[in-house]
Amino acid sequence: MDFIQPETKITEQQCNASLVALEDALYVIGGKWKLKVIIALREGGSKRFNDLQRTITGISAKVLSNELKELEMNGFVKRNVYPLTPVVIEYELTNYSDSLDEVLRTLVEWGMKHRDKIKSLR
C-alpha cells in the first residue's frame, strides 16, 4: 500500500489498514535495539555474539539474545552454528533484511535532520 498523503481524504478502512501495517512494522523492527543489531551486522558482516555485544554499546546479553531470536524468527537474521571445539556461533543478515534498506536510509536521514533542528533551537 502506498503511503497516503496527508491532504488526501481517506476512508476509515484505509486508515485502519495503514495503522495495522504500521503496527506490524513496529512490532518487527521497533524498540531500542533491533535496528541497531541489524546495522551492526550490516556494517561488519557476520559476527559472534560477544562481538555484537561489544559493538552495540549498552545492550545486555539477555536483551541481545532475545533480539537476535526475534530477528531470526522474522527472517532478518540467520544463526550459523559451526561444530568446532569449542562450538562457534555466528549471526548474519539474510537477503530479506535488504528489504529494510530504504527504511533505514530514510530513518537515518530524518534522524540527522531532526538532530540539526533540535540543536538549532537551543
PDB file of N, CA and C in Angstrom:
ATOM      1  N   MET A   1       0.840  -1.181   0.000  1.00  0.00           N
ATOM      2  CA  MET A   1       0.000   0.000   0.000  1.00  0.00           C
ATOM      3  C   MET A   1       0.879   1.235   0.000  1.00  0.00           C
ATOM      4  N   ASP A   2       0.621   2.151  -0.919  1.00  0.00           N
ATOM      5  CA  ASP A   2       1.386   3.386  -0.975  1.00  0.00           C
ATOM      6  C   ASP A   2       1.060   4.240   0.235  1.00  0.00           C
ATOM      7  N   PHE A   3       2.056   4.996   0.684  1.00  0.00           N
ATOM      8  CA  PHE A   3       1.823   5.905   1.793  1.00  0.00           C
ATOM      9  C   PHE A   3       0.795   6.940   1.373  1.00  0.00           C
ATOM     10  N   ILE A   4      -0.132   7.205   2.240  1.00  0.00           N
ATOM     11  CA  ILE A   4      -1.228   8.122   1.934  1.00  0.00           C
ATOM     12  C   ILE A   4      -0.810   9.529   2.324  1.00  0.00           C
ATOM     13  N   GLN A   5      -0.885  10.449   1.386  1.00  0.00           N
ATOM     14  CA  GLN A   5      -0.516  11.831   1.632  1.00  0.00           C
ATOM     15  C   GLN A   5      -1.517  12.480   2.588  1.00  0.00           C
ATOM     16  N   PRO A   6      -1.054  13.359   3.490  1.00  0.00           N
ATOM     17  CA  PRO A   6      -1.939  13.957   4.488  1.00  0.00           C
ATOM     18  C   PRO A   6      -3.122  14.721   3.885  1.00  0.00           C
ATOM     19  N   GLU A   7      -2.934  15.337   2.739  1.00  0.00           N
ATOM     20  CA  GLU A   7      -4.024  16.121   2.154  1.00  0.00           C
ATOM     21  C   GLU A   7      -5.068  15.257   1.435  1.00  0.00           C
ATOM     22  N   THR A   8      -4.793  13.977   1.301  1.00  0.00           N
ATOM     23  CA  THR A   8      -5.703  13.070   0.630  1.00  0.00           C
ATOM     24  C   THR A   8      -6.759  12.588   1.622  1.00  0.00           C
ATOM     25  N   LYS A   9      -8.013  12.668   1.228  1.00  0.00           N
ATOM     26  CA  LYS A   9      -9.103  12.177   2.066  1.00  0.00           C
ATOM     27  C   LYS A   9      -9.099  10.650   1.990  1.00  0.00           C
ATOM     28  N   ILE A  10      -9.050  10.011   3.139  1.00  0.00           N
ATOM     29  CA  ILE A  10      -9.020   8.556   3.158  1.00  0.00           C
ATOM     30  C   ILE A  10     -10.221   8.030   3.938  1.00  0.00           C
ATOM     31  N   THR A  11     -10.554   6.799   3.640  1.00  0.00           N
ATOM     32  CA  THR A  11     -11.671   6.174   4.341  1.00  0.00           C
ATOM     33  C   THR A  11     -11.191   5.632   5.680  1.00  0.00           C
ATOM     34  N   GLU A  12     -12.124   5.333   6.536  1.00  0.00           N
ATOM     35  CA  GLU A  12     -11.781   4.743   7.824  1.00  0.00           C
ATOM     36  C   GLU A  12     -11.112   3.390   7.627  1.00  0.00           C
ATOM     37  N   GLN A  13     -11.551   2.633   6.631  1.00  0.00           N
ATOM     38  CA  GLN A  13     -10.964   1.329   6.335  1.00  0.00           C
ATOM     39  C   GLN A  13      -9.503   1.482   5.909  1.00  0.00           C
ATOM     40  N   GLN A  14      -9.213   2.479   5.067  1.00  0.00           N
ATOM     41  CA  GLN A  14      -7.834   2.721   4.650  1.00  0.00           C
ATOM     42  C   GLN A  14      -6.972   3.142   5.842  1.00  0.00           C
ATOM     43  N   CYS A  15      -7.532   3.974   6.680  1.00  0.00           N
ATOM     44  CA  CYS A  15      -6.810   4.421   7.873  1.00  0.00           C
ATOM     45  C   CYS A  15      -6.494   3.231   8.766  1.00  0.00           C
ATOM     46  N   ASN A  16      -7.473   2.388   9.009  1.00  0.00           N
ATOM     47  CA  ASN A  16      -7.260   1.203   9.846  1.00  0.00           C
ATOM     48  C   ASN A  16      -6.226   0.267   9.235  1.00  0.00           C
ATOM     49  N   ALA A  17      -6.277   0.091   7.911  1.00  0.00           N
ATOM     50  CA  ALA A  17      -5.296  -0.767   7.239  1.00  0.00           C
ATOM     51  C   ALA A  17      -3.889  -0.202   7.410  1.00  0.00           C
ATOM     52  N   SER A  18      -3.749   1.115   7.296  1.00  0.00           N
ATOM     53  CA  SER A  18      -2.444   1.752   7.485  1.00  0.00           C
ATOM     54  C   SER A  18      -1.950   1.583   8.914  1.00  0.00           C
ATOM     55  N   LEU A  19      -2.846   1.743   9.873  1.00  0.00           N
ATOM     56  CA  LEU A  19      -2.463   1.590  11.276  1.00  0.00           C
ATOM     57  C   LEU A  19      -2.032   0.161  11.586  1.00  0.00           C
ATOM     58  N   VAL A  20      -2.723  -0.820  11.033  1.00  0.00           N
ATOM     59  CA  VAL A  20      -2.354  -2.229  11.241  1.00  0.00           C
ATOM     60  C   VAL A  20      -0.988  -2.509  10.618  1.00  0.00           C
ATOM     61  N   ALA A  21      -0.770  -1.996   9.405  1.00  0.00           N
ATOM     62  CA  ALA A  21       0.521  -2.208   8.735  1.00  0.00           C
ATOM     63  C   ALA A  21       1.651  -1.566   9.534  1.00  0.00           C
ATOM     64  N   LEU A  22       1.429  -0.359  10.046  1.00  0.00           N
ATOM     65  CA  LEU A  22       2.436   0.319  10.851  1.00  0.00           C
ATOM     66  C   LEU A  22       2.702  -0.451  12.137  1.00  0.00           C
ATOM     67  N   GLU A  23       1.643  -0.938  12.764  1.00  0.00           N
ATOM     68  CA  GLU A  23       1.792  -1.735  13.983  1.00  0.00           C
ATOM     69  C   GLU A  23       2.618  -2.989  13.707  1.00  0.00           C
ATOM     70  N   ASP A  24       2.362  -3.654  12.589  1.00  0.00           N
ATOM     71  CA  ASP A  24       3.135  -4.847  12.212  1.00  0.00           C
ATOM     72  C   ASP A  24       4.613  -4.497  12.030  1.00  0.00           C
ATOM     73  N   ALA A  25       4.882  -3.403  11.326  1.00  0.00           N
ATOM     74  CA  ALA A  25       6.266  -2.998  11.082  1.00  0.00           C
ATOM     75  C   ALA A  25       6.977  -2.670  12.389  1.00  0.00           C
ATOM     76  N   LEU A  26       6.319  -1.914  13.257  1.00  0.00           N
ATOM     77  CA  LEU A  26       6.950  -1.541  14.525  1.00  0.00           C
ATOM     78  C   LEU A  26       7.144  -2.748  15.435  1.00  0.00           C
ATOM     79  N   TYR A  27       6.257  -3.712  15.352  1.00  0.00           N
ATOM     80  CA  TYR A  27       6.411  -4.930  16.136  1.00  0.00           C
ATOM     81  C   TYR A  27       7.694  -5.668  15.720  1.00  0.00           C
ATOM     82  N   VAL A  28       7.949  -5.702  14.430  1.00  0.00           N
ATOM     83  CA  VAL A  28       9.085  -6.463  13.907  1.00  0.00           C
ATOM     84  C   VAL A  28      10.414  -5.729  14.087  1.00  0.00           C
ATOM     85  N   ILE A  29      10.448  -4.415  13.855  1.00  0.00           N
ATOM     86  CA  ILE A  29      11.727  -3.694  13.900  1.00  0.00           C
ATOM     87  C   ILE A  29      11.762  -2.604  14.960  1.00  0.00           C
ATOM     88  N   GLY A  30      10.692  -2.453  15.728  1.00  0.00           N
ATOM     89  CA  GLY A  30      10.628  -1.388  16.716  1.00  0.00           C
ATOM     90  C   GLY A  30      11.453  -1.685  17.952  1.00  0.00           C
ATOM     91  N   GLY A  31      11.467  -0.728  18.829  1.00  0.00           N
ATOM     92  CA  GLY A  31      12.218  -0.861  20.070  1.00  0.00           C
ATOM     93  C   GLY A  31      13.584  -0.231  19.951  1.00  0.00           C
ATOM     94  N   LYS A  32      14.288  -0.272  21.042  1.00  0.00           N
ATOM     95  CA  LYS A  32      15.583   0.406  21.143  1.00  0.00           C
ATOM     96  C   LYS A  32      16.713  -0.313  20.414  1.00  0.00           C
ATOM     97  N   TRP A  33      16.617  -1.644  20.244  1.00  0.00           N
ATOM     98  CA  TRP A  33      17.796  -2.407  19.846  1.00  0.00           C
ATOM     99  C   TRP A  33      17.755  -3.071  18.484  1.00  0.00           C
ATOM    100  N   LYS A  34      16.602  -3.435  17.966  1.00  0.00           N
ATOM    101  CA  LYS A  34      16.554  -4.263  16.751  1.00  0.00           C
ATOM    102  C   LYS A  34      17.279  -3.632  15.566  1.00  0.00           C
ATOM    103  N   LEU A  35      17.006  -2.377  15.304  1.00  0.00           N
ATOM    104  CA  LEU A  35      17.672  -1.740  14.161  1.00  0.00           C
ATOM    105  C   LEU A  35      19.168  -1.585  14.405  1.00  0.00           C
ATOM    106  N   LYS A  36      19.550  -1.389  15.665  1.00  0.00           N
ATOM    107  CA  LYS A  36      20.983  -1.309  15.987  1.00  0.00           C
ATOM    108  C   LYS A  36      21.670  -2.647  15.702  1.00  0.00           C
ATOM    109  N   VAL A  37      21.002  -3.744  16.021  1.00  0.00           N
ATOM    110  CA  VAL A  37      21.561  -5.072  15.735  1.00  0.00           C
ATOM    111  C   VAL A  37      21.708  -5.251  14.224  1.00  0.00           C
ATOM    112  N   ILE A  38      20.686  -4.875  13.487  1.00  0.00           N
ATOM    113  CA  ILE A  38      20.721  -5.004  12.028  1.00  0.00           C
ATOM    114  C   ILE A  38      21.844  -4.160  11.444  1.00  0.00           C
ATOM    115  N   ILE A  39      21.970  -2.930  11.905  1.00  0.00           N
ATOM    116  CA  ILE A  39      23.025  -2.047  11.390  1.00  0.00           C
ATOM    117  C   ILE A  39      24.405  -2.590  11.759  1.00  0.00           C
ATOM    118  N   ALA A  40      24.567  -3.106  12.980  1.00  0.00           N
ATOM    119  CA  ALA A  40      25.863  -3.673  13.393  1.00  0.00           C
ATOM    120  C   ALA A  40      26.245  -4.847  12.501  1.00  0.00           C
ATOM    121  N   LEU A  41      25.276  -5.676  12.155  1.00  0.00           N
ATOM    122  CA  LEU A  41      25.565  -6.805  11.262  1.00  0.00           C
ATOM    123  C   LEU A  41      25.787  -6.341   9.831  1.00  0.00           C
ATOM    124  N   ARG A  42      25.090  -5.302   9.425  1.00  0.00           N
ATOM    125  CA  ARG A  42      25.247  -4.784   8.070  1.00  0.00           C
ATOM    126  C   ARG A  42      26.631  -4.173   7.894  1.00  0.00           C
ATOM    127  N   GLU A  43      27.078  -3.441   8.891  1.00  0.00           N
ATOM    128  CA  GLU A  43      28.368  -2.753   8.797  1.00  0.00           C
ATOM    129  C   GLU A  43      29.544  -3.710   8.910  1.00  0.00           C
ATOM    130  N   GLY A  44      29.400  -4.740   9.727  1.00  0.00           N
ATOM    131  CA  GLY A  44      30.551  -5.594   9.974  1.00  0.00           C
ATOM    132  C   GLY A  44      30.450  -7.004   9.447  1.00  0.00           C
ATOM    133  N   GLY A  45      29.383  -7.323   8.759  1.00  0.00           N
ATOM    134  CA  GLY A  45      29.208  -8.694   8.284  1.00  0.00           C
ATOM    135  C   GLY A  45      28.841  -9.619   9.422  1.00  0.00           C
ATOM    136  N   SER A  46      29.009 -10.917   9.220  1.00  0.00           N
ATOM    137  CA  SER A  46      28.619 -11.867  10.257  1.00  0.00           C
ATOM    138  C   SER A  46      29.486 -11.656  11.497  1.00  0.00           C
ATOM    139  N   LYS A  47      28.835 -11.845  12.660  1.00  0.00           N
ATOM    140  CA  LYS A  47      29.540 -11.621  13.924  1.00  0.00           C
ATOM    141  C   LYS A  47      29.131 -12.664  14.937  1.00  0.00           C
ATOM    142  N   ARG A  48      30.031 -12.913  15.860  1.00  0.00           N
ATOM    143  CA  ARG A  48      29.720 -13.752  17.010  1.00  0.00           C
ATOM    144  C   ARG A  48      28.991 -12.907  18.049  1.00  0.00           C
ATOM    145  N   PHE A  49      28.341 -13.591  18.974  1.00  0.00           N
ATOM    146  CA  PHE A  49      27.506 -12.932  19.973  1.00  0.00           C
ATOM    147  C   PHE A  49      28.278 -11.855  20.741  1.00  0.00           C
ATOM    148  N   ASN A  50      29.442 -12.219  21.279  1.00  0.00           N
ATOM    149  CA  ASN A  50      30.217 -11.259  22.077  1.00  0.00           C
ATOM    150  C   ASN A  50      30.693 -10.071  21.251  1.00  0.00           C
ATOM    151  N   ASP A  51      31.002 -10.297  19.984  1.00  0.00           N
ATOM    152  CA  ASP A  51      31.394  -9.194  19.107  1.00  0.00           C
ATOM    153  C   ASP A  51      30.232  -8.222  18.930  1.00  0.00           C
ATOM    154  N   LEU A  52      29.046  -8.778  18.745  1.00  0.00           N
ATOM    155  CA  LEU A  52      27.856  -7.931  18.623  1.00  0.00           C
ATOM    156  C   LEU A  52      27.619  -7.135  19.894  1.00  0.00           C
ATOM    157  N   GLN A  53      27.748  -7.793  21.029  1.00  0.00           N
ATOM    158  CA  GLN A  53      27.505  -7.110  22.295  1.00  0.00           C
ATOM    159  C   GLN A  53      28.513  -5.978  22.515  1.00  0.00           C
ATOM    160  N   ARG A  54      29.751  -6.178  22.116  1.00  0.00           N
ATOM    161  CA  ARG A  54      30.749  -5.108  22.229  1.00  0.00           C
ATOM    162  C   ARG A  54      30.451  -3.964  21.269  1.00  0.00           C
ATOM    163  N   THR A  55      29.943  -4.287  20.087  1.00  0.00           N
ATOM    164  CA  THR A  55      29.656  -3.270  19.076  1.00  0.00           C
ATOM    165  C   THR A  55      28.466  -2.401  19.485  1.00  0.00           C
ATOM    166  N   ILE A  56      27.449  -3.011  20.083  1.00  0.00           N
ATOM    167  CA  ILE A  56      26.221  -2.297  20.438  1.00  0.00           C
ATOM    168  C   ILE A  56      26.321  -1.877  21.905  1.00  0.00           C
ATOM    169  N   THR A  57      26.784  -0.688  22.119  1.00  0.00           N
ATOM    170  CA  THR A  57      27.022  -0.180  23.465  1.00  0.00           C
ATOM    171  C   THR A  57      25.748  -0.173  24.298  1.00  0.00           C
ATOM    172  N   GLY A  58      25.851  -0.765  25.484  1.00  0.00           N
ATOM    173  CA  GLY A  58      24.756  -0.698  26.439  1.00  0.00           C
ATOM    174  C   GLY A  58      23.767  -1.845  26.403  1.00  0.00           C
ATOM    175  N   ILE A  59      23.854  -2.730  25.432  1.00  0.00           N
ATOM    176  CA  ILE A  59      22.895  -3.829  25.349  1.00  0.00           C
ATOM    177  C   ILE A  59      23.356  -4.979  26.252  1.00  0.00           C
ATOM    178  N   SER A  60      22.440  -5.517  27.024  1.00  0.00           N
ATOM    179  CA  SER A  60      22.786  -6.648  27.891  1.00  0.00           C
ATOM    180  C   SER A  60      22.754  -7.941  27.081  1.00  0.00           C
ATOM    181  N   ALA A  61      23.392  -8.965  27.610  1.00  0.00           N
ATOM    182  CA  ALA A  61      23.421 -10.262  26.927  1.00  0.00           C
ATOM    183  C   ALA A  61      22.009 -10.823  26.775  1.00  0.00           C
ATOM    184  N   LYS A  62      21.193 -10.690  27.810  1.00  0.00           N
ATOM    185  CA  LYS A  62      19.836 -11.217  27.774  1.00  0.00           C
ATOM    186  C   LYS A  62      19.007 -10.528  26.699  1.00  0.00           C
ATOM    187  N   VAL A  63      19.107  -9.202  26.631  1.00  0.00           N
ATOM    188  CA  VAL A  63      18.347  -8.442  25.629  1.00  0.00           C
ATOM    189  C   VAL A  63      18.848  -8.775  24.231  1.00  0.00           C
ATOM    190  N   LEU A  64      20.159  -8.833  24.041  1.00  0.00           N
ATOM    191  CA  LEU A  64      20.713  -9.166  22.728  1.00  0.00           C
ATOM    192  C   LEU A  64      20.249 -10.548  22.289  1.00  0.00           C
ATOM    193  N   SER A  65      20.262 -11.494  23.193  1.00  0.00           N
ATOM    194  CA  SER A  65      19.810 -12.844  22.873  1.00  0.00           C
ATOM    195  C   SER A  65      18.349 -12.836  22.418  1.00  0.00           C
ATOM    196  N   ASN A  66      17.511 -12.114  23.139  1.00  0.00           N
ATOM    197  CA  ASN A  66      16.090 -12.028  22.768  1.00  0.00           C
ATOM    198  C   ASN A  66      15.896 -11.333  21.424  1.00  0.00           C
ATOM    199  N   GLU A  67      16.638 -10.255  21.197  1.00  0.00           N
ATOM    200  CA  GLU A  67      16.509  -9.515  19.934  1.00  0.00           C
ATOM    201  C   GLU A  67      16.944 -10.388  18.763  1.00  0.00           C
ATOM    202  N   LEU A  68      18.047 -11.120  18.923  1.00  0.00           N
ATOM    203  CA  LEU A  68      18.518 -11.999  17.857  1.00  0.00           C
ATOM    204  C   LEU A  68      17.495 -13.095  17.547  1.00  0.00           C
ATOM    205  N   LYS A  69      16.881 -13.655  18.594  1.00  0.00           N
ATOM    206  CA  LYS A  69      15.857 -14.680  18.385  1.00  0.00           C
ATOM    207  C   LYS A  69      14.669 -14.119  17.611  1.00  0.00           C
ATOM    208  N   GLU A  70      14.222 -12.920  17.983  1.00  0.00           N
ATOM    209  CA  GLU A  70      13.087 -12.308  17.293  1.00  0.00           C
ATOM    210  C   GLU A  70      13.436 -11.949  15.854  1.00  0.00           C
ATOM    211  N   LEU A  71      14.639 -11.417  15.645  1.00  0.00           N
ATOM    212  CA  LEU A  71      15.057 -11.078  14.285  1.00  0.00           C
ATOM    213  C   LEU A  71      15.201 -12.335  13.427  1.00  0.00           C
ATOM    214  N   GLU A  72      15.661 -13.423  14.026  1.00  0.00           N
ATOM    215  CA  GLU A  72      15.752 -14.693  13.302  1.00  0.00           C
ATOM    216  C   GLU A  72      14.353 -15.215  12.979  1.00  0.00           C
ATOM    217  N   MET A  73      13.450 -15.138  13.949  1.00  0.00           N
ATOM    218  CA  MET A  73      12.076 -15.609  13.759  1.00  0.00           C
ATOM    219  C   MET A  73      11.376 -14.841  12.626  1.00  0.00           C
ATOM    220  N   ASN A  74      11.720 -13.571  12.465  1.00  0.00           N
ATOM    221  CA  ASN A  74      11.099 -12.742  11.436  1.00  0.00           C
ATOM    222  C   ASN A  74      11.880 -12.719  10.128  1.00  0.00           C
ATOM    223  N   GLY A  75      12.930 -13.522  10.033  1.00  0.00           N
ATOM    224  CA  GLY A  75      13.626 -13.709   8.770  1.00  0.00           C
ATOM    225  C   GLY A  75      14.702 -12.701   8.434  1.00  0.00           C
ATOM    226  N   PHE A  76      15.123 -11.880   9.408  1.00  0.00           N
ATOM    227  CA  PHE A  76      16.144 -10.877   9.130  1.00  0.00           C
ATOM    228  C   PHE A  76      17.555 -11.364   9.434  1.00  0.00           C
ATOM    229  N   VAL A  77      17.673 -12.300  10.367  1.00  0.00           N
ATOM    230  CA  VAL A  77      18.977 -12.781  10.821  1.00  0.00           C
ATOM    231  C   VAL A  77      19.024 -14.299  10.705  1.00  0.00           C
ATOM    232  N   LYS A  78      20.196 -14.789  10.339  1.00  0.00           N
ATOM    233  CA  LYS A  78      20.430 -16.234  10.284  1.00  0.00           C
ATOM    234  C   LYS A  78      21.500 -16.575  11.316  1.00  0.00           C
ATOM    235  N   ARG A  79      21.249 -17.628  12.066  1.00  0.00           N
ATOM    236  CA  ARG A  79      22.191 -18.117  13.080  1.00  0.00           C
ATOM    237  C   ARG A  79      22.936 -19.305  12.491  1.00  0.00           C
ATOM    238  N   ASN A  80      24.252 -19.187  12.406  1.00  0.00           N
ATOM    239  CA  ASN A  80      25.094 -20.251  11.855  1.00  0.00           C
ATOM    240  C   ASN A  80      25.884 -20.916  12.981  1.00  0.00           C
ATOM    241  N   VAL A  81      25.739 -22.234  13.107  1.00  0.00           N
ATOM    242  CA  VAL A  81      26.460 -22.998  14.128  1.00  0.00           C
ATOM    243  C   VAL A  81      27.523 -23.826  13.434  1.00  0.00           C
ATOM    244  N   TYR A  82      28.780 -23.636  13.865  1.00  0.00           N
ATOM    245  CA  TYR A  82      29.903 -24.374  13.293  1.00  0.00           C
ATOM    246  C   TYR A  82      30.400 -25.368  14.341  1.00  0.00           C
ATOM    247  N   PRO A  83      30.355 -26.673  14.023  1.00  0.00           N
ATOM    248  CA  PRO A  83      30.706 -27.707  15.004  1.00  0.00           C
ATOM    249  C   PRO A  83      32.222 -27.852  15.196  1.00  0.00           C
ATOM    250  N   LEU A  84      32.796 -26.826  15.770  1.00  0.00           N
ATOM    251  CA  LEU A  84      34.222 -26.845  16.094  1.00  0.00           C
ATOM    252  C   LEU A  84      34.357 -27.064  17.595  1.00  0.00           C
ATOM    253  N   THR A  85      35.563 -27.097  18.082  1.00  0.00           N
ATOM    254  CA  THR A  85      35.784 -27.180  19.520  1.00  0.00           C
ATOM    255  C   THR A  85      36.547 -25.938  19.941  1.00  0.00           C
ATOM    256  N   PRO A  86      35.939 -25.042  20.675  1.00  0.00           N
ATOM    257  CA  PRO A  86      34.536 -25.010  21.093  1.00  0.00           C
ATOM    258  C   PRO A  86      33.624 -24.650  19.910  1.00  0.00           C
ATOM    259  N   VAL A  87      32.330 -24.883  20.100  1.00  0.00           N
ATOM    260  CA  VAL A  87      31.340 -24.580  19.063  1.00  0.00           C
ATOM    261  C   VAL A  87      31.369 -23.080  18.772  1.00  0.00           C
ATOM    262  N   VAL A  88      31.322 -22.729  17.491  1.00  0.00           N
ATOM    263  CA  VAL A  88      31.310 -21.332  17.075  1.00  0.00           C
ATOM    264  C   VAL A  88      29.923 -21.016  16.509  1.00  0.00           C
ATOM    265  N   ILE A  89      29.334 -19.933  17.021  1.00  0.00           N
ATOM    266  CA  ILE A  89      28.032 -19.482  16.533  1.00  0.00           C
ATOM    267  C   ILE A  89      28.196 -18.065  16.019  1.00  0.00           C
ATOM    268  N   GLU A  90      27.766 -17.856  14.780  1.00  0.00           N
ATOM    269  CA  GLU A  90      27.816 -16.528  14.171  1.00  0.00           C
ATOM    270  C   GLU A  90      26.427 -16.145  13.691  1.00  0.00           C
ATOM    271  N   TYR A  91      26.199 -14.850  13.658  1.00  0.00           N
ATOM    272  CA  TYR A  91      24.932 -14.309  13.180  1.00  0.00           C
ATOM    273  C   TYR A  91      25.208 -13.475  11.946  1.00  0.00           C
ATOM    274  N   GLU A  92      24.336 -13.614  10.954  1.00  0.00           N
ATOM    275  CA  GLU A  92      24.467 -12.823   9.732  1.00  0.00           C
ATOM    276  C   GLU A  92      23.084 -12.402   9.257  1.00  0.00           C
ATOM    277  N   LEU A  93      23.051 -11.351   8.469  1.00  0.00           N
ATOM    278  CA  LEU A  93      21.788 -10.893   7.897  1.00  0.00           C
ATOM    279  C   LEU A  93      21.381 -11.783   6.735  1.00  0.00           C
ATOM    280  N   THR A  94      20.094 -11.937   6.562  1.00  0.00           N
ATOM    281  CA  THR A  94      19.566 -12.677   5.421  1.00  0.00           C
ATOM    282  C   THR A  94      19.341 -11.707   4.260  1.00  0.00           C
ATOM    283  N   ASN A  95      19.072 -12.244   3.091  1.00  0.00           N
ATOM    284  CA  ASN A  95      18.734 -11.395   1.946  1.00  0.00           C
ATOM    285  C   ASN A  95      17.466 -10.591   2.213  1.00  0.00           C
ATOM    286  N   TYR A  96      16.567 -11.152   3.010  1.00  0.00           N
ATOM    287  CA  TYR A  96      15.316 -10.446   3.325  1.00  0.00           C
ATOM    288  C   TYR A  96      15.582  -9.136   4.063  1.00  0.00           C
ATOM    289  N   SER A  97      16.667  -9.066   4.820  1.00  0.00           N
ATOM    290  CA  SER A  97      16.979  -7.832   5.546  1.00  0.00           C
ATOM    291  C   SER A  97      17.237  -6.666   4.590  1.00  0.00           C
ATOM    292  N   ASP A  98      17.588  -6.978   3.333  1.00  0.00           N
ATOM    293  CA  ASP A  98      17.795  -5.916   2.339  1.00  0.00           C
ATOM    294  C   ASP A  98      16.510  -5.130   2.092  1.00  0.00           C
ATOM    295  N   SER A  99      15.352  -5.730   2.407  1.00  0.00           N
ATOM    296  CA  SER A  99      14.082  -5.020   2.214  1.00  0.00           C
ATOM    297  C   SER A  99      13.963  -3.812   3.150  1.00  0.00           C
ATOM    298  N   LEU A 100      14.856  -3.705   4.137  1.00  0.00           N
ATOM    299  CA  LEU A 100      14.852  -2.572   5.056  1.00  0.00           C
ATOM    300  C   LEU A 100      15.756  -1.430   4.604  1.00  0.00           C
ATOM    301  N   ASP A 101      16.472  -1.606   3.492  1.00  0.00           N
ATOM    302  CA  ASP A 101      17.436  -0.594   3.052  1.00  0.00           C
ATOM    303  C   ASP A 101      16.826   0.802   2.971  1.00  0.00           C
ATOM    304  N   GLU A 102      15.720   0.932   2.280  1.00  0.00           N
ATOM    305  CA  GLU A 102      15.096   2.248   2.110  1.00  0.00           C
ATOM    306  C   GLU A 102      14.594   2.796   3.442  1.00  0.00           C
ATOM    307  N   VAL A 103      14.036   1.924   4.265  1.00  0.00           N
ATOM    308  CA  VAL A 103      13.546   2.336   5.586  1.00  0.00           C
ATOM    309  C   VAL A 103      14.706   2.869   6.425  1.00  0.00           C
ATOM    310  N   LEU A 104      15.807   2.134   6.469  1.00  0.00           N
ATOM    311  CA  LEU A 104      16.967   2.556   7.254  1.00  0.00           C
ATOM    312  C   LEU A 104      17.548   3.869   6.740  1.00  0.00           C
ATOM    313  N   ARG A 105      17.674   3.968   5.434  1.00  0.00           N
ATOM    314  CA  ARG A 105      18.222   5.185   4.835  1.00  0.00           C
ATOM    315  C   ARG A 105      17.351   6.391   5.195  1.00  0.00           C
ATOM    316  N   THR A 106      16.044   6.228   5.072  1.00  0.00           N
ATOM    317  CA  THR A 106      15.112   7.318   5.372  1.00  0.00           C
ATOM    318  C   THR A 106      15.154   7.679   6.857  1.00  0.00           C
ATOM    319  N   LEU A 107      15.194   6.683   7.728  1.00  0.00           N
ATOM    320  CA  LEU A 107      15.258   6.962   9.165  1.00  0.00           C
ATOM    321  C   LEU A 107      16.544   7.688   9.544  1.00  0.00           C
ATOM    322  N   VAL A 108      17.660   7.275   8.973  1.00  0.00           N
ATOM    323  CA  VAL A 108      18.936   7.932   9.268  1.00  0.00           C
ATOM    324  C   VAL A 108      18.900   9.383   8.782  1.00  0.00           C
ATOM    325  N   GLU A 109      18.420   9.604   7.571  1.00  0.00           N
ATOM    326  CA  GLU A 109      18.334  10.969   7.046  1.00  0.00           C
ATOM    327  C   GLU A 109      17.423  11.838   7.923  1.00  0.00           C
ATOM    328  N   TRP A 110      16.259  11.300   8.299  1.00  0.00           N
ATOM    329  CA  TRP A 110      15.342  12.053   9.137  1.00  0.00           C
ATOM    330  C   TRP A 110      15.969  12.326  10.502  1.00  0.00           C
ATOM    331  N   GLY A 111      16.651  11.325  11.072  1.00  0.00           N
ATOM    332  CA  GLY A 111      17.295  11.496  12.373  1.00  0.00           C
ATOM    333  C   GLY A 111      18.337  12.610  12.354  1.00  0.00           C
ATOM    334  N   MET A 112      19.112  12.692  11.272  1.00  0.00           N
ATOM    335  CA  MET A 112      20.111  13.757  11.157  1.00  0.00           C
ATOM    336  C   MET A 112      19.439  15.127  11.073  1.00  0.00           C
ATOM    337  N   LYS A 113      18.394  15.225  10.260  1.00  0.00           N
ATOM    338  CA  LYS A 113      17.665  16.497  10.130  1.00  0.00           C
ATOM    339  C   LYS A 113      17.030  16.889  11.458  1.00  0.00           C
ATOM    340  N   HIS A 114      16.451  15.924  12.144  1.00  0.00           N
ATOM    341  CA  HIS A 114      15.807  16.208  13.420  1.00  0.00           C
ATOM    342  C   HIS A 114      16.827  16.680  14.454  1.00  0.00           C
ATOM    343  N   ARG A 115      17.966  16.005  14.518  1.00  0.00           N
ATOM    344  CA  ARG A 115      19.022  16.408  15.462  1.00  0.00           C
ATOM    345  C   ARG A 115      19.483  17.834  15.166  1.00  0.00           C
ATOM    346  N   ASP A 116      19.682  18.147  13.873  1.00  0.00           N
ATOM    347  CA  ASP A 116      20.086  19.509  13.491  1.00  0.00           C
ATOM    348  C   ASP A 116      19.027  20.529  13.902  1.00  0.00           C
ATOM    349  N   LYS A 117      17.763  20.181  13.706  1.00  0.00           N
ATOM    350  CA  LYS A 117      16.682  21.101  14.063  1.00  0.00           C
ATOM    351  C   LYS A 117      16.667  21.360  15.567  1.00  0.00           C
ATOM    352  N   ILE A 118      16.777  20.302  16.358  1.00  0.00           N
ATOM    353  CA  ILE A 118      16.781  20.454  17.813  1.00  0.00           C
ATOM    354  C   ILE A 118      17.974  21.284  18.272  1.00  0.00           C
ATOM    355  N   LYS A 119      19.150  21.036  17.685  1.00  0.00           N
ATOM    356  CA  LYS A 119      20.332  21.812  18.029  1.00  0.00           C
ATOM    357  C   LYS A 119      20.149  23.283  17.710  1.00  0.00           C
ATOM    358  N   SER A 120      19.504  23.572  16.579  1.00  0.00           N
ATOM    359  CA  SER A 120      19.312  24.974  16.163  1.00  0.00           C
ATOM    360  C   SER A 120      18.329  25.698  17.072  1.00  0.00           C
ATOM    361  N   LEU A 121      17.482  24.987  17.773  1.00  0.00           N
ATOM    362  CA  LEU A 121      16.511  25.613  18.670  1.00  0.00           C
ATOM    363  C   LEU A 121      17.098  25.966  20.021  1.00  0.00           C
ATOM    364  N   ARG A 122      18.278  25.458  20.300  1.00  0.00           N
ATOM    365  CA  ARG A 122      18.909  25.708  21.617  1.00  0.00           C
ATOM    366  C   ARG A 122      19.717  26.953  21.621  1.00  0.00           C
TER     367      ARG A 122
END
